[in-house]
PDB file of N, CA and C in Angstrom:
ATOM      1  N   MET A   1      17.695  29.974  -5.779  1.00  0.00           N
ATOM      2  CA  MET A   1      18.242  28.894  -4.983  1.00  0.00           C
ATOM      3  C   MET A   1      19.704  29.206  -4.681  1.00  0.00           C
ATOM      4  N   LYS A   2      20.086  28.930  -3.464  1.00  0.00           N
ATOM      5  CA  LYS A   2      21.474  29.157  -3.079  1.00  0.00           C
ATOM      6  C   LYS A   2      22.385  28.154  -3.780  1.00  0.00           C
ATOM      7  N   GLU A   3      23.613  28.547  -3.992  1.00  0.00           N
ATOM      8  CA  GLU A   3      24.574  27.645  -4.629  1.00  0.00           C
ATOM      9  C   GLU A   3      25.020  26.556  -3.660  1.00  0.00           C
ATOM     10  N   GLU A   4      25.033  26.875  -2.372  1.00  0.00           N
ATOM     11  CA  GLU A   4      25.493  25.891  -1.402  1.00  0.00           C
ATOM     12  C   GLU A   4      24.596  25.934  -0.167  1.00  0.00           C
ATOM     13  N   TYR A   5      24.144  24.771   0.253  1.00  0.00           N
ATOM     14  CA  TYR A   5      23.333  24.660   1.450  1.00  0.00           C
ATOM     15  C   TYR A   5      24.104  23.864   2.496  1.00  0.00           C
ATOM     16  N   ASP A   6      23.838  24.172   3.753  1.00  0.00           N
ATOM     17  CA  ASP A   6      24.500  23.468   4.850  1.00  0.00           C
ATOM     18  C   ASP A   6      23.533  22.450   5.439  1.00  0.00           C
ATOM     19  N   PHE A   7      23.773  21.168   5.179  1.00  0.00           N
ATOM     20  CA  PHE A   7      22.936  20.096   5.701  1.00  0.00           C
ATOM     21  C   PHE A   7      23.590  19.384   6.880  1.00  0.00           C
ATOM     22  N   SER A   8      24.575  19.983   7.484  1.00  0.00           N
ATOM     23  CA  SER A   8      25.299  19.323   8.580  1.00  0.00           C
ATOM     24  C   SER A   8      24.415  19.068   9.798  1.00  0.00           C
ATOM     25  N   SER A   9      23.390  19.882  10.003  1.00  0.00           N
ATOM     26  CA  SER A   9      22.520  19.674  11.167  1.00  0.00           C
ATOM     27  C   SER A   9      21.177  19.045  10.770  1.00  0.00           C
ATOM     28  N   ALA A  10      21.076  18.586   9.536  1.00  0.00           N
ATOM     29  CA  ALA A  10      19.830  17.968   9.072  1.00  0.00           C
ATOM     30  C   ALA A  10      19.659  16.587   9.682  1.00  0.00           C
ATOM     31  N   ARG A  11      18.412  16.157   9.791  1.00  0.00           N
ATOM     32  CA  ARG A  11      18.155  14.803  10.289  1.00  0.00           C
ATOM     33  C   ARG A  11      17.459  13.997   9.198  1.00  0.00           C
ATOM     34  N   LYS A  12      17.592  12.689   9.287  1.00  0.00           N
ATOM     35  CA  LYS A  12      17.012  11.802   8.297  1.00  0.00           C
ATOM     36  C   LYS A  12      15.492  11.822   8.388  1.00  0.00           C
ATOM     37  N   ASN A  13      14.854  11.546   7.264  1.00  0.00           N
ATOM     38  CA  ASN A  13      13.397  11.481   7.205  1.00  0.00           C
ATOM     39  C   ASN A  13      12.898  10.302   8.044  1.00  0.00           C
ATOM     40  N   PRO A  14      12.099  10.557   9.087  1.00  0.00           N
ATOM     41  CA  PRO A  14      11.638   9.447   9.939  1.00  0.00           C
ATOM     42  C   PRO A  14      10.591   8.573   9.253  1.00  0.00           C
ATOM     43  N   TYR A  15      10.052   9.012   8.128  1.00  0.00           N
ATOM     44  CA  TYR A  15       9.006   8.279   7.433  1.00  0.00           C
ATOM     45  C   TYR A  15       9.517   7.509   6.228  1.00  0.00           C
ATOM     46  N   VAL A  16      10.830   7.453   6.029  1.00  0.00           N
ATOM     47  CA  VAL A  16      11.386   6.829   4.841  1.00  0.00           C
ATOM     48  C   VAL A  16      10.993   5.353   4.726  1.00  0.00           C
ATOM     49  N   LYS A  17      10.811   4.659   5.844  1.00  0.00           N
ATOM     50  CA  LYS A  17      10.424   3.251   5.810  1.00  0.00           C
ATOM     51  C   LYS A  17       8.960   3.079   5.420  1.00  0.00           C
ATOM     52  N   ARG A  18       8.177   4.141   5.498  1.00  0.00           N
ATOM     53  CA  ARG A  18       6.749   4.058   5.208  1.00  0.00           C
ATOM     54  C   ARG A  18       6.410   4.499   3.788  1.00  0.00           C
ATOM     55  N   LEU A  19       7.422   4.799   2.974  1.00  0.00           N
ATOM     56  CA  LEU A  19       7.169   5.218   1.613  1.00  0.00           C
ATOM     57  C   LEU A  19       6.536   4.082   0.825  1.00  0.00           C
ATOM     58  N   LYS A  20       5.699   4.428  -0.137  1.00  0.00           N
ATOM     59  CA  LYS A  20       5.010   3.416  -0.926  1.00  0.00           C
ATOM     60  C   LYS A  20       5.613   3.337  -2.323  1.00  0.00           C
ATOM     61  N   GLN A  21       5.496   2.165  -2.910  1.00  0.00           N
ATOM     62  CA  GLN A  21       5.992   1.935  -4.259  1.00  0.00           C
ATOM     63  C   GLN A  21       4.799   1.810  -5.195  1.00  0.00           C
ATOM     64  N   GLN A  22       4.805   2.575  -6.264  1.00  0.00           N
ATOM     65  CA  GLN A  22       3.715   2.514  -7.229  1.00  0.00           C
ATOM     66  C   GLN A  22       3.931   1.322  -8.145  1.00  0.00           C
ATOM     67  N   VAL A  23       2.863   0.518  -8.330  1.00  0.00           N
ATOM     68  CA  VAL A  23       2.922  -0.642  -9.216  1.00  0.00           C
ATOM     69  C   VAL A  23       1.660  -0.679 -10.075  1.00  0.00           C
ATOM     70  N   THR A  24       1.754  -1.402 -11.156  1.00  0.00           N
ATOM     71  CA  THR A  24       0.584  -1.656 -11.989  1.00  0.00           C
ATOM     72  C   THR A  24       0.229  -3.120 -11.811  1.00  0.00           C
ATOM     73  N   ILE A  25      -1.049  -3.387 -11.542  1.00  0.00           N
ATOM     74  CA  ILE A  25      -1.490  -4.755 -11.275  1.00  0.00           C
ATOM     75  C   ILE A  25      -2.857  -4.968 -11.916  1.00  0.00           C
ATOM     76  N   ASN A  26      -3.045  -6.135 -12.478  1.00  0.00           N
ATOM     77  CA  ASN A  26      -4.339  -6.490 -13.067  1.00  0.00           C
ATOM     78  C   ASN A  26      -5.138  -7.290 -12.047  1.00  0.00           C
ATOM     79  N   LEU A  27      -6.325  -6.803 -11.714  1.00  0.00           N
ATOM     80  CA  LEU A  27      -7.183  -7.457 -10.733  1.00  0.00           C
ATOM     81  C   LEU A  27      -8.514  -7.811 -11.379  1.00  0.00           C
ATOM     82  N   ASP A  28      -9.137  -8.864 -10.872  1.00  0.00           N
ATOM     83  CA  ASP A  28     -10.471  -9.230 -11.347  1.00  0.00           C
ATOM     84  C   ASP A  28     -11.456  -8.114 -11.019  1.00  0.00           C
ATOM     85  N   SER A  29     -12.412  -7.919 -11.912  1.00  0.00           N
ATOM     86  CA  SER A  29     -13.435  -6.890 -11.695  1.00  0.00           C
ATOM     87  C   SER A  29     -14.206  -7.138 -10.413  1.00  0.00           C
ATOM     88  N   GLU A  30     -14.472  -8.402 -10.109  1.00  0.00           N
ATOM     89  CA  GLU A  30     -15.210  -8.744  -8.887  1.00  0.00           C
ATOM     90  C   GLU A  30     -14.432  -8.350  -7.642  1.00  0.00           C
ATOM     91  N   ALA A  31     -13.116  -8.553  -7.658  1.00  0.00           N
ATOM     92  CA  ALA A  31     -12.283  -8.198  -6.510  1.00  0.00           C
ATOM     93  C   ALA A  31     -12.273  -6.685  -6.309  1.00  0.00           C
ATOM     94  N   VAL A  32     -12.136  -5.945  -7.393  1.00  0.00           N
ATOM     95  CA  VAL A  32     -12.124  -4.483  -7.300  1.00  0.00           C
ATOM     96  C   VAL A  32     -13.474  -3.982  -6.794  1.00  0.00           C
ATOM     97  N   ALA A  33     -14.557  -4.534  -7.325  1.00  0.00           N
ATOM     98  CA  ALA A  33     -15.900  -4.127  -6.895  1.00  0.00           C
ATOM     99  C   ALA A  33     -16.105  -4.412  -5.408  1.00  0.00           C
ATOM    100  N   TYR A  34     -15.620  -5.568  -4.944  1.00  0.00           N
ATOM    101  CA  TYR A  34     -15.739  -5.925  -3.532  1.00  0.00           C
ATOM    102  C   TYR A  34     -15.024  -4.906  -2.646  1.00  0.00           C
ATOM    103  N   PHE A  35     -13.773  -4.598  -2.991  1.00  0.00           N
ATOM    104  CA  PHE A  35     -13.006  -3.667  -2.171  1.00  0.00           C
ATOM    105  C   PHE A  35     -13.559  -2.243  -2.273  1.00  0.00           C
ATOM    106  N   LYS A  36     -14.075  -1.857  -3.431  1.00  0.00           N
ATOM    107  CA  LYS A  36     -14.673  -0.516  -3.559  1.00  0.00           C
ATOM    108  C   LYS A  36     -15.912  -0.396  -2.671  1.00  0.00           C
ATOM    109  N   ALA A  37     -16.756  -1.420  -2.680  1.00  0.00           N
ATOM    110  CA  ALA A  37     -17.973  -1.394  -1.855  1.00  0.00           C
ATOM    111  C   ALA A  37     -17.620  -1.394  -0.367  1.00  0.00           C
ATOM    112  N   LEU A  38     -16.670  -2.226   0.015  1.00  0.00           N
ATOM    113  CA  LEU A  38     -16.255  -2.284   1.420  1.00  0.00           C
ATOM    114  C   LEU A  38     -15.603  -0.971   1.853  1.00  0.00           C
ATOM    115  N   ALA A  39     -14.790  -0.400   0.982  1.00  0.00           N
ATOM    116  CA  ALA A  39     -14.123   0.864   1.295  1.00  0.00           C
ATOM    117  C   ALA A  39     -15.142   1.995   1.467  1.00  0.00           C
ATOM    118  N   GLU A  40     -16.165   2.005   0.624  1.00  0.00           N
ATOM    119  CA  GLU A  40     -17.201   3.035   0.745  1.00  0.00           C
ATOM    120  C   GLU A  40     -17.940   2.880   2.075  1.00  0.00           C
ATOM    121  N   LYS A  41     -18.223   1.636   2.443  1.00  0.00           N
ATOM    122  CA  LYS A  41     -18.900   1.354   3.716  1.00  0.00           C
ATOM    123  C   LYS A  41     -18.046   1.821   4.898  1.00  0.00           C
ATOM    124  N   LEU A  42     -16.724   1.623   4.796  1.00  0.00           N
ATOM    125  CA  LEU A  42     -15.812   1.991   5.877  1.00  0.00           C
ATOM    126  C   LEU A  42     -15.371   3.455   5.829  1.00  0.00           C
ATOM    127  N   GLY A  43     -15.588   4.096   4.684  1.00  0.00           N
ATOM    128  CA  GLY A  43     -15.232   5.512   4.552  1.00  0.00           C
ATOM    129  C   GLY A  43     -13.752   5.759   4.294  1.00  0.00           C
ATOM    130  N   ILE A  44     -13.095   4.811   3.617  1.00  0.00           N
ATOM    131  CA  ILE A  44     -11.688   4.993   3.260  1.00  0.00           C
ATOM    132  C   ILE A  44     -11.513   4.689   1.773  1.00  0.00           C
ATOM    133  N   PRO A  45     -10.463   5.201   1.140  1.00  0.00           N
ATOM    134  CA  PRO A  45     -10.229   4.904  -0.276  1.00  0.00           C
ATOM    135  C   PRO A  45      -9.975   3.407  -0.492  1.00  0.00           C
ATOM    136  N   TYR A  46     -10.484   2.886  -1.608  1.00  0.00           N
ATOM    137  CA  TYR A  46     -10.367   1.442  -1.839  1.00  0.00           C
ATOM    138  C   TYR A  46      -8.925   0.985  -2.020  1.00  0.00           C
ATOM    139  N   GLN A  47      -8.073   1.834  -2.597  1.00  0.00           N
ATOM    140  CA  GLN A  47      -6.669   1.448  -2.752  1.00  0.00           C
ATOM    141  C   GLN A  47      -5.985   1.346  -1.391  1.00  0.00           C
ATOM    142  N   THR A  48      -6.359   2.197  -0.463  1.00  0.00           N
ATOM    143  CA  THR A  48      -5.837   2.125   0.894  1.00  0.00           C
ATOM    144  C   THR A  48      -6.293   0.834   1.558  1.00  0.00           C
ATOM    145  N   LEU A  49      -7.545   0.463   1.348  1.00  0.00           N
ATOM    146  CA  LEU A  49      -8.070  -0.774   1.919  1.00  0.00           C
ATOM    147  C   LEU A  49      -7.334  -1.992   1.359  1.00  0.00           C
ATOM    148  N   ILE A  50      -7.117  -2.013   0.047  1.00  0.00           N
ATOM    149  CA  ILE A  50      -6.373  -3.118  -0.566  1.00  0.00           C
ATOM    150  C   ILE A  50      -4.961  -3.175   0.004  1.00  0.00           C
ATOM    151  N   ASN A  51      -4.315  -2.026   0.153  1.00  0.00           N
ATOM    152  CA  ASN A  51      -2.967  -1.983   0.719  1.00  0.00           C
ATOM    153  C   ASN A  51      -2.952  -2.501   2.156  1.00  0.00           C
ATOM    154  N   LEU A  52      -3.933  -2.107   2.959  1.00  0.00           N
ATOM    155  CA  LEU A  52      -4.021  -2.589   4.343  1.00  0.00           C
ATOM    156  C   LEU A  52      -4.184  -4.108   4.378  1.00  0.00           C
ATOM    157  N   TYR A  53      -5.029  -4.633   3.499  1.00  0.00           N
ATOM    158  CA  TYR A  53      -5.256  -6.084   3.465  1.00  0.00           C
ATOM    159  C   TYR A  53      -3.987  -6.824   3.046  1.00  0.00           C
ATOM    160  N   LEU A  54      -3.333  -6.349   1.991  1.00  0.00           N
ATOM    161  CA  LEU A  54      -2.107  -7.003   1.530  1.00  0.00           C
ATOM    162  C   LEU A  54      -0.990  -6.888   2.563  1.00  0.00           C
ATOM    163  N   SER A  55      -0.896  -5.754   3.241  1.00  0.00           N
ATOM    164  CA  SER A  55       0.104  -5.584   4.297  1.00  0.00           C
ATOM    165  C   SER A  55      -0.141  -6.566   5.438  1.00  0.00           C
ATOM    166  N   ASP A  56      -1.411  -6.756   5.801  1.00  0.00           N
ATOM    167  CA  ASP A  56      -1.758  -7.709   6.851  1.00  0.00           C
ATOM    168  C   ASP A  56      -1.377  -9.124   6.429  1.00  0.00           C
ATOM    169  N   CYS A  57      -1.636  -9.478   5.174  1.00  0.00           N
ATOM    170  CA  CYS A  57      -1.254 -10.805   4.662  1.00  0.00           C
ATOM    171  C   CYS A  57       0.253 -10.992   4.738  1.00  0.00           C
ATOM    172  N   ALA A  58       1.002  -9.974   4.352  1.00  0.00           N
ATOM    173  CA  ALA A  58       2.463 -10.070   4.355  1.00  0.00           C
ATOM    174  C   ALA A  58       3.003 -10.190   5.783  1.00  0.00           C
ATOM    175  N   LYS A  59       2.452  -9.403   6.705  1.00  0.00           N
ATOM    176  CA  LYS A  59       2.928  -9.443   8.091  1.00  0.00           C
ATOM    177  C   LYS A  59       2.654 -10.785   8.752  1.00  0.00           C
ATOM    178  N   SER A  60       1.503 -11.374   8.441  1.00  0.00           N
ATOM    179  CA  SER A  60       1.156 -12.658   9.058  1.00  0.00           C
ATOM    180  C   SER A  60       1.598 -13.841   8.197  1.00  0.00           C
ATOM    181  N   LYS A  61       2.305 -13.551   7.118  1.00  0.00           N
ATOM    182  CA  LYS A  61       2.873 -14.581   6.224  1.00  0.00           C
ATOM    183  C   LYS A  61       1.817 -15.557   5.722  1.00  0.00           C
ATOM    184  N   LYS A  62       0.648 -15.009   5.353  1.00  0.00           N
ATOM    185  CA  LYS A  62      -0.419 -15.844   4.799  1.00  0.00           C
ATOM    186  C   LYS A  62      -0.021 -16.337   3.416  1.00  0.00           C
ATOM    187  N   GLU A  63      -0.388 -17.568   3.127  1.00  0.00           N
ATOM    188  CA  GLU A  63      -0.134 -18.142   1.818  1.00  0.00           C
ATOM    189  C   GLU A  63      -1.467 -18.541   1.204  1.00  0.00           C
ATOM    190  N   PRO A  64      -1.632 -18.304  -0.093  1.00  0.00           N
ATOM    191  CA  PRO A  64      -2.911 -18.656  -0.734  1.00  0.00           C
ATOM    192  C   PRO A  64      -3.072 -20.171  -0.851  1.00  0.00           C
ATOM    193  N   LYS A  65      -4.315 -20.610  -0.800  1.00  0.00           N
ATOM    194  CA  LYS A  65      -4.632 -22.019  -1.017  1.00  0.00           C
ATOM    195  C   LYS A  65      -5.070 -22.137  -2.476  1.00  0.00           C
ATOM    196  N   ILE A  66      -4.207 -22.730  -3.291  1.00  0.00           N
ATOM    197  CA  ILE A  66      -4.450 -22.815  -4.729  1.00  0.00           C
ATOM    198  C   ILE A  66      -4.733 -24.256  -5.113  1.00  0.00           C
ATOM    199  N   SER A  67      -5.802 -24.458  -5.870  1.00  0.00           N
ATOM    200  CA  SER A  67      -6.141 -25.780  -6.386  1.00  0.00           C
ATOM    201  C   SER A  67      -6.354 -25.664  -7.894  1.00  0.00           C
ATOM    202  N   TRP A  68      -5.656 -26.453  -8.664  1.00  0.00           N
ATOM    203  CA  TRP A  68      -5.737 -26.378 -10.133  1.00  0.00           C
ATOM    204  C   TRP A  68      -6.669 -27.423 -10.702  1.00  0.00           C
ATOM    205  N   ASN A  69      -7.590 -27.956  -9.902  1.00  0.00           N
ATOM    206  CA  ASN A  69      -8.515 -28.986 -10.376  1.00  0.00           C
ATOM    207  C   ASN A  69      -9.660 -28.411 -11.124  1.00  0.00           C
TER     208      ASN A  69
END
């Protein structure tokens, strides 16, 4: 590796806004099974499908309907 590199003509990463953050989350077995089955039917990884669904919820500002009865 060189001791000094010249980055004066470098450009910023155009995909930096699309980077993903790794998280640990506990999900119901039924929810995971649902997304795995749907993902297999659609031919995409289930984690990608979950991410697409959550991204859609965030973009449309969906709020859950919670009832504690």
